[in-house]
């Protein structure tokens, strides 16, 4: 039984480029975006692929819906904990959570529930924890997050 008909959803696709030393290939879709700062998102990872290294700016609740999902918590550029989460796993993390995420060999589908009264959700950072891009609710809803690599390429060129 499928929980969501992902084929009918509007997805933004994010791919990494040569400036990243890990394979980035994931998708984001907005399920709900309320005027009070609550947003519910689906993220879908391709097999063995990452999203960008990032820091959450708000409390975040996640539920693994499909597949195997890896969360690697980082501090000062070093891995401090590696969790493998399976379908049905649920977690709630405080703001400031810094980590890498990637899917297992079958990919993964993850539900994120966030509340951000100021609209700030997370920060995409590099391995030295330098800010590459702040990400807001508007960036996701408008599709600007999916244009991240194009902005990176333009600023590097």
N, C-alpha and C. Protein backbone atom coordinates (compact mmCIF):
# COMPACT_ATOMS: atom_id res chain seq x y z
N UNK A 1 0.83 -1.18 0.00
CA UNK A 1 0.00 0.00 0.00
C UNK A 1 0.88 1.25 0.00
N UNK A 2 0.63 2.15 -0.91
CA UNK A 2 1.35 3.42 -1.00
C UNK A 2 0.66 4.46 -0.13
N UNK A 3 1.43 5.17 0.68
CA UNK A 3 0.88 6.24 1.51
C UNK A 3 0.62 7.50 0.69
N UNK A 4 1.48 7.74 -0.31
CA UNK A 4 1.37 8.92 -1.16
C UNK A 4 1.53 8.49 -2.60
N UNK A 5 0.76 9.08 -3.48
CA UNK A 5 0.96 8.84 -4.90
C UNK A 5 2.01 9.84 -5.37
N UNK A 6 3.26 9.45 -5.24
CA UNK A 6 4.37 10.37 -5.53
C UNK A 6 4.44 10.75 -7.00
N UNK A 7 3.83 9.96 -7.86
CA UNK A 7 3.83 10.28 -9.29
C UNK A 7 3.01 11.54 -9.60
N UNK A 8 2.01 11.83 -8.77
CA UNK A 8 1.12 12.97 -9.03
C UNK A 8 1.57 14.24 -8.30
N UNK A 9 2.64 14.15 -7.53
CA UNK A 9 3.09 15.30 -6.75
C UNK A 9 4.03 16.18 -7.56
N UNK A 10 4.09 17.45 -7.19
CA UNK A 10 5.02 18.39 -7.82
C UNK A 10 6.34 18.31 -7.04
N UNK A 11 7.42 17.98 -7.73
CA UNK A 11 8.72 17.77 -7.10
C UNK A 11 9.74 18.77 -7.63
N UNK A 12 10.60 19.24 -6.74
CA UNK A 12 11.79 19.98 -7.12
C UNK A 12 12.96 19.03 -7.00
N UNK A 13 13.80 18.96 -8.02
CA UNK A 13 14.92 18.02 -8.06
C UNK A 13 16.22 18.76 -7.76
N UNK A 14 17.00 18.22 -6.85
CA UNK A 14 18.29 18.80 -6.50
C UNK A 14 19.40 17.81 -6.80
N UNK A 15 20.37 18.28 -7.54
CA UNK A 15 21.52 17.48 -7.92
C UNK A 15 22.79 18.22 -7.52
N UNK A 16 23.79 17.48 -7.09
CA UNK A 16 25.07 18.09 -6.79
C UNK A 16 25.90 18.24 -8.06
N UNK A 17 26.97 19.00 -7.94
CA UNK A 17 27.89 19.15 -9.05
C UNK A 17 29.29 18.72 -8.59
N UNK A 18 30.30 19.01 -9.38
CA UNK A 18 31.67 18.58 -9.08
C UNK A 18 32.27 19.26 -7.84
N UNK A 19 31.63 20.31 -7.33
CA UNK A 19 32.18 20.99 -6.16
C UNK A 19 31.91 20.21 -4.86
N UNK A 20 31.07 19.18 -4.93
CA UNK A 20 30.77 18.36 -3.75
C UNK A 20 31.47 17.01 -3.90
N UNK A 21 31.99 16.50 -2.79
CA UNK A 21 32.71 15.22 -2.83
C UNK A 21 31.83 14.05 -2.41
N UNK A 22 30.52 14.22 -2.53
CA UNK A 22 29.56 13.15 -2.24
C UNK A 22 28.40 13.30 -3.23
N UNK A 23 27.77 12.18 -3.62
CA UNK A 23 26.71 12.24 -4.64
C UNK A 23 25.41 12.82 -4.08
N UNK A 24 24.97 13.94 -4.66
CA UNK A 24 23.74 14.61 -4.24
C UNK A 24 22.67 14.39 -5.30
N UNK A 25 21.56 13.77 -4.89
CA UNK A 25 20.45 13.52 -5.81
C UNK A 25 19.19 13.25 -4.99
N UNK A 26 18.37 14.28 -4.85
CA UNK A 26 17.15 14.15 -4.04
C UNK A 26 16.07 15.09 -4.55
N UNK A 27 14.87 14.90 -4.04
CA UNK A 27 13.68 15.61 -4.50
C UNK A 27 12.94 16.15 -3.29
N UNK A 28 12.21 17.26 -3.47
CA UNK A 28 11.39 17.82 -2.40
C UNK A 28 10.01 18.18 -2.95
N UNK A 29 8.98 17.91 -2.14
CA UNK A 29 7.60 18.26 -2.49
C UNK A 29 6.91 18.82 -1.25
N UNK A 30 6.13 19.88 -1.44
CA UNK A 30 5.40 20.51 -0.34
C UNK A 30 4.05 19.82 -0.20
N UNK A 31 3.79 19.27 0.99
CA UNK A 31 2.48 18.67 1.27
C UNK A 31 1.51 19.71 1.81
N UNK A 32 2.02 20.55 2.72
CA UNK A 32 1.19 21.56 3.37
C UNK A 32 2.06 22.74 3.75
N UNK A 33 1.56 23.94 3.50
CA UNK A 33 2.26 25.17 3.87
C UNK A 33 1.22 26.14 4.41
N UNK A 34 1.15 26.22 5.73
CA UNK A 34 0.15 27.08 6.36
C UNK A 34 0.74 28.47 6.60
N UNK A 35 -0.13 29.45 6.71
CA UNK A 35 0.30 30.84 6.93
C UNK A 35 0.93 31.07 8.29
N UNK A 36 0.80 30.13 9.22
CA UNK A 36 1.31 30.33 10.57
C UNK A 36 2.73 29.79 10.77
N UNK A 37 3.43 29.41 9.69
CA UNK A 37 4.81 28.93 9.80
C UNK A 37 4.97 27.43 9.84
N UNK A 38 3.88 26.69 9.80
CA UNK A 38 3.97 25.22 9.74
C UNK A 38 4.12 24.79 8.29
N UNK A 39 5.03 23.85 8.06
CA UNK A 39 5.21 23.30 6.71
C UNK A 39 5.50 21.81 6.84
N UNK A 40 4.89 21.04 5.94
CA UNK A 40 5.09 19.59 5.87
C UNK A 40 5.67 19.29 4.50
N UNK A 41 6.79 18.58 4.49
CA UNK A 41 7.52 18.32 3.26
C UNK A 41 7.80 16.84 3.10
N UNK A 42 7.80 16.39 1.86
CA UNK A 42 8.30 15.06 1.53
C UNK A 42 9.63 15.24 0.84
N UNK A 43 10.62 14.49 1.28
CA UNK A 43 11.91 14.43 0.60
C UNK A 43 12.09 12.99 0.13
N UNK A 44 12.55 12.86 -1.10
CA UNK A 44 12.81 11.53 -1.66
C UNK A 44 14.25 11.50 -2.15
N UNK A 45 15.00 10.52 -1.66
CA UNK A 45 16.40 10.35 -2.03
C UNK A 45 16.54 9.22 -3.04
N UNK A 46 17.39 9.43 -4.03
CA UNK A 46 17.75 8.36 -4.94
C UNK A 46 18.66 7.39 -4.19
N UNK A 47 18.77 6.15 -4.66
CA UNK A 47 19.60 5.16 -3.98
C UNK A 47 21.04 5.65 -3.73
N UNK A 48 21.50 5.44 -2.51
CA UNK A 48 22.87 5.77 -2.09
C UNK A 48 23.27 7.22 -2.35
N UNK A 49 22.29 8.13 -2.35
CA UNK A 49 22.55 9.54 -2.62
C UNK A 49 22.26 10.39 -1.39
N UNK A 50 22.91 11.52 -1.33
CA UNK A 50 22.83 12.46 -0.22
C UNK A 50 21.96 13.66 -0.58
N UNK A 51 21.57 14.40 0.47
CA UNK A 51 21.15 15.78 0.29
C UNK A 51 22.37 16.62 0.69
N UNK A 52 22.27 17.92 0.57
CA UNK A 52 23.37 18.79 0.96
C UNK A 52 23.61 18.73 2.47
N UNK A 53 24.86 18.86 2.87
CA UNK A 53 25.22 18.97 4.28
C UNK A 53 24.49 20.21 4.81
N UNK A 54 23.82 20.07 5.97
CA UNK A 54 22.98 21.19 6.42
C UNK A 54 22.79 21.22 7.94
N UNK A 55 22.31 22.37 8.38
CA UNK A 55 21.96 22.60 9.79
C UNK A 55 20.51 23.04 9.84
N UNK A 56 19.72 22.35 10.66
CA UNK A 56 18.32 22.75 10.83
C UNK A 56 18.25 23.98 11.73
N UNK A 57 17.44 24.95 11.35
CA UNK A 57 17.27 26.19 12.11
C UNK A 57 16.04 26.14 13.01
N UNK A 58 15.25 25.08 12.88
CA UNK A 58 14.01 24.92 13.65
C UNK A 58 13.91 23.47 14.13
N UNK A 59 13.06 23.26 15.14
CA UNK A 59 12.75 21.90 15.56
C UNK A 59 12.14 21.16 14.38
N UNK A 60 12.52 19.90 14.23
CA UNK A 60 12.07 19.13 13.08
C UNK A 60 11.64 17.73 13.51
N UNK A 61 10.48 17.32 13.04
CA UNK A 61 10.00 15.97 13.26
C UNK A 61 10.09 15.24 11.93
N UNK A 62 10.67 14.04 11.95
CA UNK A 62 10.79 13.25 10.73
C UNK A 62 10.20 11.86 10.93
N UNK A 63 9.62 11.35 9.86
CA UNK A 63 9.11 9.99 9.83
C UNK A 63 9.61 9.34 8.55
N UNK A 64 10.27 8.21 8.68
CA UNK A 64 10.75 7.48 7.51
C UNK A 64 9.57 6.69 6.96
N UNK A 65 9.21 6.96 5.71
CA UNK A 65 8.05 6.31 5.10
C UNK A 65 8.42 5.09 4.26
N UNK A 66 9.56 5.18 3.59
CA UNK A 66 10.02 4.07 2.76
C UNK A 66 11.53 4.03 2.76
N UNK A 67 12.06 2.82 2.66
CA UNK A 67 13.48 2.63 2.47
C UNK A 67 14.30 2.71 3.74
N UNK A 68 15.59 2.80 3.52
CA UNK A 68 16.58 2.91 4.59
C UNK A 68 17.19 4.30 4.48
N UNK A 69 17.28 4.99 5.61
CA UNK A 69 17.76 6.37 5.61
C UNK A 69 18.87 6.51 6.65
N UNK A 70 19.97 7.10 6.25
CA UNK A 70 21.13 7.28 7.12
C UNK A 70 21.24 8.74 7.54
N UNK A 71 21.46 8.97 8.83
CA UNK A 71 21.68 10.32 9.35
C UNK A 71 23.03 10.29 10.07
N UNK A 72 23.94 11.15 9.59
CA UNK A 72 25.28 11.22 10.15
C UNK A 72 25.43 12.57 10.83
N UNK A 73 25.40 12.56 12.16
CA UNK A 73 25.54 13.79 12.93
C UNK A 73 27.01 14.18 12.97
N UNK A 74 27.25 15.48 12.81
CA UNK A 74 28.61 16.00 12.71
C UNK A 74 28.86 17.06 13.78
N UNK A 75 30.12 17.21 14.15
CA UNK A 75 30.55 18.29 15.03
C UNK A 75 32.01 18.57 14.73
N UNK A 76 32.32 19.83 14.47
CA UNK A 76 33.69 20.24 14.15
C UNK A 76 34.29 19.40 13.04
N UNK A 77 33.48 19.12 12.01
CA UNK A 77 33.96 18.38 10.85
C UNK A 77 34.13 16.88 11.06
N UNK A 78 33.73 16.39 12.20
CA UNK A 78 33.89 14.96 12.49
C UNK A 78 32.54 14.30 12.73
N UNK A 79 32.46 13.05 12.31
CA UNK A 79 31.26 12.26 12.55
C UNK A 79 31.18 11.90 14.02
N UNK A 80 30.05 12.22 14.66
CA UNK A 80 29.89 11.85 16.07
C UNK A 80 28.87 10.74 16.26
N UNK A 81 27.97 10.56 15.29
CA UNK A 81 27.00 9.46 15.39
C UNK A 81 26.42 9.17 14.01
N UNK A 82 26.26 7.89 13.71
CA UNK A 82 25.67 7.45 12.44
C UNK A 82 24.48 6.56 12.78
N UNK A 83 23.29 7.03 12.39
CA UNK A 83 22.06 6.29 12.65
C UNK A 83 21.49 5.76 11.34
N UNK A 84 21.08 4.51 11.36
CA UNK A 84 20.38 3.93 10.22
C UNK A 84 18.92 3.82 10.64
N UNK A 85 18.06 4.49 9.87
CA UNK A 85 16.64 4.53 10.22
C UNK A 85 15.86 3.84 9.11
N UNK A 86 14.84 3.08 9.52
CA UNK A 86 14.03 2.30 8.59
C UNK A 86 12.60 2.81 8.57
N UNK A 87 11.84 2.36 7.58
CA UNK A 87 10.44 2.77 7.45
C UNK A 87 9.72 2.59 8.78
N UNK A 88 9.01 3.64 9.19
CA UNK A 88 8.29 3.64 10.47
C UNK A 88 9.03 4.36 11.57
N UNK A 89 10.35 4.58 11.41
CA UNK A 89 11.11 5.29 12.44
C UNK A 89 10.68 6.76 12.46
N UNK A 90 10.62 7.30 13.68
CA UNK A 90 10.14 8.65 13.94
C UNK A 90 11.16 9.32 14.85
N UNK A 91 11.44 10.60 14.60
CA UNK A 91 12.33 11.33 15.50
C UNK A 91 11.94 12.80 15.55
N UNK A 92 12.33 13.43 16.65
CA UNK A 92 12.13 14.87 16.82
C UNK A 92 13.46 15.43 17.30
N UNK A 93 13.97 16.43 16.57
CA UNK A 93 15.27 17.02 16.89
C UNK A 93 15.11 18.52 17.13
N UNK A 94 15.95 19.06 18.02
CA UNK A 94 15.90 20.50 18.27
C UNK A 94 16.56 21.29 17.14
N UNK A 95 16.34 22.58 17.13
CA UNK A 95 17.02 23.46 16.19
C UNK A 95 18.53 23.34 16.41
N UNK A 96 19.29 23.54 15.36
CA UNK A 96 20.74 23.48 15.45
C UNK A 96 21.33 22.14 15.07
N UNK A 97 20.50 21.14 14.79
CA UNK A 97 20.97 19.81 14.42
C UNK A 97 21.77 19.90 13.12
N UNK A 98 23.02 19.45 13.16
CA UNK A 98 23.96 19.53 12.03
C UNK A 98 24.25 18.12 11.55
N UNK A 99 23.95 17.83 10.28
CA UNK A 99 24.13 16.46 9.81
C UNK A 99 24.15 16.33 8.29
N UNK A 100 24.58 15.15 7.87
CA UNK A 100 24.48 14.70 6.49
C UNK A 100 23.39 13.63 6.49
N UNK A 101 22.70 13.47 5.38
CA UNK A 101 21.68 12.44 5.25
C UNK A 101 21.85 11.78 3.89
N UNK A 102 21.62 10.47 3.86
CA UNK A 102 21.63 9.78 2.58
C UNK A 102 20.77 8.53 2.64
N UNK A 103 20.37 8.08 1.47
CA UNK A 103 19.51 6.91 1.36
C UNK A 103 20.33 5.64 1.25
N UNK A 104 19.69 4.55 1.62
CA UNK A 104 20.28 3.23 1.42
C UNK A 104 20.15 2.81 -0.03
N UNK A 105 20.41 1.54 -0.31
CA UNK A 105 20.46 1.05 -1.69
C UNK A 105 19.13 1.09 -2.46
N UNK A 106 18.01 1.22 -1.76
CA UNK A 106 16.70 1.31 -2.42
C UNK A 106 16.15 2.73 -2.46
N UNK A 107 16.92 3.71 -1.96
CA UNK A 107 16.41 5.07 -1.84
C UNK A 107 15.61 5.22 -0.56
N UNK A 108 15.05 6.39 -0.34
CA UNK A 108 14.21 6.61 0.84
C UNK A 108 13.22 7.73 0.59
N UNK A 109 12.13 7.69 1.36
CA UNK A 109 11.09 8.71 1.32
C UNK A 109 10.84 9.12 2.76
N UNK A 110 10.98 10.42 3.05
CA UNK A 110 10.92 10.91 4.43
C UNK A 110 9.98 12.10 4.53
N UNK A 111 9.12 12.07 5.55
CA UNK A 111 8.21 13.16 5.85
C UNK A 111 8.85 14.06 6.90
N UNK A 112 8.89 15.37 6.63
CA UNK A 112 9.41 16.36 7.56
C UNK A 112 8.28 17.29 7.97
N UNK A 113 8.11 17.49 9.27
CA UNK A 113 7.15 18.45 9.81
C UNK A 113 7.96 19.51 10.55
N UNK A 114 7.78 20.77 10.15
CA UNK A 114 8.57 21.86 10.71
C UNK A 114 7.67 23.04 11.06
N UNK A 115 8.11 23.79 12.05
CA UNK A 115 7.41 25.02 12.42
C UNK A 115 8.43 26.13 12.49
N UNK A 116 8.25 27.16 11.66
CA UNK A 116 9.18 28.28 11.60
C UNK A 116 8.40 29.59 11.47
N UNK A 117 8.15 30.26 12.59
CA UNK A 117 7.40 31.52 12.52
C UNK A 117 8.09 32.59 11.67
N UNK A 118 9.45 32.55 11.59
CA UNK A 118 10.17 33.54 10.78
C UNK A 118 10.47 33.04 9.37
N UNK A 119 10.08 31.79 9.07
CA UNK A 119 10.26 31.25 7.73
C UNK A 119 11.59 30.58 7.47
N UNK A 120 12.57 30.70 8.38
CA UNK A 120 13.89 30.08 8.19
C UNK A 120 13.81 28.60 8.54
N UNK A 121 14.32 27.73 7.65
CA UNK A 121 14.24 26.29 7.88
C UNK A 121 15.60 25.65 8.17
N UNK A 122 16.55 25.82 7.24
CA UNK A 122 17.87 25.24 7.44
C UNK A 122 18.92 26.01 6.65
N UNK A 123 20.17 25.67 6.89
CA UNK A 123 21.29 26.28 6.19
C UNK A 123 22.08 25.18 5.49
N UNK A 124 22.31 25.36 4.20
CA UNK A 124 23.21 24.47 3.47
C UNK A 124 24.62 24.98 3.74
N UNK A 125 25.50 24.06 4.15
CA UNK A 125 26.86 24.44 4.52
C UNK A 125 27.88 23.53 3.83
N UNK A 126 29.13 23.97 3.84
CA UNK A 126 30.18 23.11 3.30
C UNK A 126 30.80 22.31 4.44
N UNK A 127 31.79 21.51 4.14
CA UNK A 127 32.38 20.62 5.15
C UNK A 127 33.08 21.39 6.27
N UNK A 128 33.46 22.63 6.02
CA UNK A 128 34.07 23.47 7.05
C UNK A 128 33.02 24.27 7.82
N UNK A 129 31.76 23.98 7.56
CA UNK A 129 30.60 24.61 8.20
C UNK A 129 30.42 26.07 7.81
N UNK A 130 30.92 26.44 6.62
CA UNK A 130 30.67 27.77 6.07
C UNK A 130 29.31 27.76 5.40
N UNK A 131 28.57 28.83 5.58
CA UNK A 131 27.23 28.95 5.00
C UNK A 131 27.32 29.07 3.48
N UNK A 132 26.61 28.19 2.77
CA UNK A 132 26.49 28.28 1.32
C UNK A 132 25.18 28.93 0.92
N UNK A 133 24.10 28.59 1.67
CA UNK A 133 22.79 29.17 1.37
C UNK A 133 21.84 28.96 2.53
N UNK A 134 21.22 30.03 3.02
CA UNK A 134 20.12 29.84 3.96
C UNK A 134 18.88 29.40 3.17
N UNK A 135 18.07 28.54 3.75
CA UNK A 135 16.89 28.04 3.05
C UNK A 135 15.65 28.38 3.88
N UNK A 136 14.70 29.02 3.24
CA UNK A 136 13.46 29.43 3.90
C UNK A 136 12.28 28.66 3.34
N UNK A 137 11.15 28.81 4.01
CA UNK A 137 9.91 28.23 3.48
C UNK A 137 9.68 28.74 2.06
N UNK A 138 9.88 30.02 1.84
CA UNK A 138 9.66 30.60 0.51
C UNK A 138 10.57 29.98 -0.54
N UNK A 139 11.83 29.68 -0.17
CA UNK A 139 12.75 29.05 -1.13
C UNK A 139 12.22 27.71 -1.61
N UNK A 140 11.62 26.96 -0.70
CA UNK A 140 11.09 25.65 -1.06
C UNK A 140 9.79 25.78 -1.84
N UNK A 141 8.87 26.60 -1.36
CA UNK A 141 7.57 26.75 -2.01
C UNK A 141 7.72 27.34 -3.41
N UNK A 142 8.63 28.29 -3.58
CA UNK A 142 8.81 28.94 -4.87
C UNK A 142 9.65 28.12 -5.86
N UNK A 143 10.32 27.08 -5.37
CA UNK A 143 11.19 26.27 -6.22
C UNK A 143 12.61 26.78 -6.27
N UNK A 144 12.94 27.85 -5.53
CA UNK A 144 14.29 28.39 -5.56
C UNK A 144 15.33 27.43 -4.99
N UNK A 145 14.95 26.58 -4.07
CA UNK A 145 15.90 25.61 -3.54
C UNK A 145 16.40 24.71 -4.65
N UNK A 146 15.53 24.32 -5.57
CA UNK A 146 15.93 23.45 -6.68
C UNK A 146 16.87 24.17 -7.65
N UNK A 147 17.02 25.48 -7.51
CA UNK A 147 17.94 26.24 -8.37
C UNK A 147 19.28 26.49 -7.68
N UNK A 148 19.50 25.86 -6.53
CA UNK A 148 20.71 26.09 -5.73
C UNK A 148 21.99 25.87 -6.53
N UNK A 149 22.10 24.77 -7.25
CA UNK A 149 23.34 24.48 -7.98
C UNK A 149 23.60 25.52 -9.06
N UNK A 150 22.53 26.00 -9.70
CA UNK A 150 22.72 27.02 -10.74
C UNK A 150 23.27 28.29 -10.13
N UNK A 151 22.81 28.65 -8.92
CA UNK A 151 23.34 29.85 -8.24
C UNK A 151 24.79 29.63 -7.85
N UNK A 152 25.12 28.43 -7.37
CA UNK A 152 26.49 28.13 -6.99
C UNK A 152 27.42 28.23 -8.20
N UNK A 153 27.00 27.68 -9.33
CA UNK A 153 27.81 27.71 -10.54
C UNK A 153 28.00 29.16 -11.01
N UNK A 154 26.96 29.97 -10.94
CA UNK A 154 27.04 31.37 -11.37
C UNK A 154 27.99 32.15 -10.48
N UNK A 155 27.95 31.92 -9.15
CA UNK A 155 28.83 32.67 -8.26
C UNK A 155 30.27 32.21 -8.37
N UNK A 156 30.51 30.96 -8.79
CA UNK A 156 31.86 30.46 -8.95
C UNK A 156 32.46 30.92 -10.28
N UNK A 157 31.62 31.23 -11.26
CA UNK A 157 32.08 31.57 -12.60
C UNK A 157 32.28 33.00 -12.75
